[in-house]
């Protein structure tokens, strides 16, 4: 696939536009209306047809004061929902795996257990 990218960076494109055998497709990427959001948490759900990914931030004791009875310790504030078909979800999973593998090869393993990351 040939990527014609006059508007954005040289980031790899995981989307696979329809194409015939051996046919090259020129793809232009337009990031002018793109939004950027931060997420430190996500939730994943699925139906028979789609994968739903909710992204947001965990907020500790959002009231800011004393914790009241039955108030949660952390609130997951969802900012964005991305809905993918299973083909796109699989391409995303493969791409994320490759990115994480390259990061760990360069910087070392990412420890998911926060207690093990704490230095004494």
Protein backbone atom coordinates (compact mmCIF):
# COMPACT_ATOMS: atom_id res chain seq x y z
CA UNK A 1 0.00 0.00 0.00
CA UNK A 2 1.32 3.44 -0.86
CA UNK A 3 0.48 6.16 1.64
CA UNK A 4 0.18 9.72 0.35
CA UNK A 5 0.31 11.76 3.52
CA UNK A 6 0.54 15.50 2.86
CA UNK A 7 -1.25 16.60 6.04
CA UNK A 8 0.08 14.39 8.86
CA UNK A 9 3.11 12.61 10.26
CA UNK A 10 4.69 9.47 8.87
CA UNK A 11 2.92 7.19 11.37
CA UNK A 12 2.04 3.72 10.06
CA UNK A 13 -1.52 3.16 8.89
CA UNK A 14 -3.21 0.02 10.18
CA UNK A 15 -6.47 0.48 8.25
CA UNK A 16 -6.76 -1.73 5.22
CA UNK A 17 -8.72 -0.09 2.39
CA UNK A 18 -10.37 -2.50 -0.07
CA UNK A 19 -7.94 -3.59 -2.74
CA UNK A 20 -7.52 -6.31 -5.31
CA UNK A 21 -4.62 -8.73 -5.55
CA UNK A 22 -1.38 -6.81 -6.16
CA UNK A 23 -3.24 -3.50 -6.51
CA UNK A 24 -1.71 -0.43 -4.84
CA UNK A 25 -4.01 2.02 -3.10
CA UNK A 26 -3.04 5.64 -2.47
CA UNK A 27 -4.28 6.78 0.92
CA UNK A 28 -4.33 10.40 2.06
CA UNK A 29 -4.56 11.07 5.80
CA UNK A 30 -6.30 14.27 6.87
CA UNK A 31 -5.73 15.15 10.55
CA UNK A 32 -7.11 18.70 10.41
CA UNK A 33 -10.28 17.82 12.42
CA UNK A 34 -8.58 15.35 14.74
CA UNK A 35 -9.02 15.66 18.51
CA UNK A 36 -6.42 14.49 20.99
CA UNK A 37 -7.52 13.13 24.37
CA UNK A 38 -5.65 11.57 27.27
CA UNK A 39 -6.77 8.29 28.84
CA UNK A 40 -5.29 6.38 31.75
CA UNK A 41 -8.07 3.80 31.77
CA UNK A 42 -10.26 1.91 29.33
CA UNK A 43 -13.17 -0.49 29.29
CA UNK A 44 -13.81 -3.04 26.55
CA UNK A 45 -17.11 -4.66 25.62
CA UNK A 46 -18.23 -6.63 22.61
CA UNK A 47 -21.27 -7.69 20.66
CA UNK A 48 -21.47 -10.34 17.97
CA UNK A 49 -20.64 -7.67 15.36
CA UNK A 50 -18.50 -5.05 17.11
CA UNK A 51 -15.89 -4.28 19.76
CA UNK A 52 -16.61 -1.23 21.93
CA UNK A 53 -13.71 0.57 23.62
CA UNK A 54 -14.39 3.30 26.18
CA UNK A 55 -11.49 5.59 27.10
CA UNK A 56 -11.24 8.00 30.00
CA UNK A 57 -9.51 8.88 33.23
CA UNK A 58 -9.67 7.49 36.74
CA UNK A 59 -10.36 10.27 39.24
CA UNK A 60 -9.70 9.69 42.95
CA UNK A 61 -12.30 11.02 45.42
CA UNK A 62 -13.86 13.41 42.87
CA UNK A 63 -15.75 15.39 45.55
CA UNK A 64 -12.42 16.75 46.80
CA UNK A 65 -13.47 16.62 50.43
CA UNK A 66 -14.20 14.00 53.03
CA UNK A 67 -15.39 10.70 51.63
CA UNK A 68 -19.07 10.13 52.28
CA UNK A 69 -20.55 6.71 52.96
CA UNK A 70 -21.23 4.68 49.77
CA UNK A 71 -19.15 7.08 47.66
CA UNK A 72 -16.72 5.26 45.35
CA UNK A 73 -12.96 5.60 45.91
CA UNK A 74 -12.35 6.12 42.20
CA UNK A 75 -14.63 7.26 39.39
CA UNK A 76 -13.93 6.27 35.78
CA UNK A 77 -14.87 9.32 33.72
CA UNK A 78 -15.42 8.14 30.14
CA UNK A 79 -14.43 10.70 27.53
CA UNK A 80 -14.58 8.73 24.28
CA UNK A 81 -16.05 5.56 22.83
CA UNK A 82 -14.53 3.86 19.78
CA UNK A 83 -16.55 1.15 18.03
CA UNK A 84 -14.65 -1.25 15.75
CA UNK A 85 -15.62 -4.21 13.63
CA UNK A 86 -13.68 -7.36 14.49
CA UNK A 87 -11.33 -7.02 11.50
CA UNK A 88 -10.25 -3.52 12.57
CA UNK A 89 -10.04 -4.63 16.21
CA UNK A 90 -7.69 -7.46 15.24
CA UNK A 91 -5.49 -5.09 13.21
CA UNK A 92 -5.43 -2.72 16.21
CA UNK A 93 -4.45 -5.56 18.58
CA UNK A 94 -1.61 -6.64 16.29
CA UNK A 95 -0.37 -3.07 15.84
CA UNK A 96 -0.46 -2.35 19.60
CA UNK A 97 1.44 -5.59 20.25
CA UNK A 98 4.15 -4.57 17.79
CA UNK A 99 4.45 -1.06 19.28
CA UNK A 100 4.70 -2.38 22.85
CA UNK A 101 7.20 -5.09 21.86
CA UNK A 102 9.44 -2.44 20.20
CA UNK A 103 9.17 -0.18 23.27
CA UNK A 104 10.11 -2.99 25.65
CA UNK A 105 13.06 -4.02 23.47
CA UNK A 106 14.38 -0.46 23.68
CA UNK A 107 13.49 0.49 27.28
CA UNK A 108 12.82 -2.78 29.13
CA UNK A 109 9.72 -4.64 30.21
CA UNK A 110 6.66 -2.65 31.26
CA UNK A 111 5.56 -3.87 34.70
CA UNK A 112 1.77 -3.78 34.97
CA UNK A 113 1.71 -4.37 38.74
CA UNK A 114 2.11 -0.87 40.23
CA UNK A 115 3.31 -2.31 43.56
CA UNK A 116 6.28 -3.93 41.79
CA UNK A 117 7.20 -0.63 40.07
CA UNK A 118 7.63 1.25 43.36
CA UNK A 119 11.30 1.80 44.17
CA UNK A 120 12.39 1.50 47.78
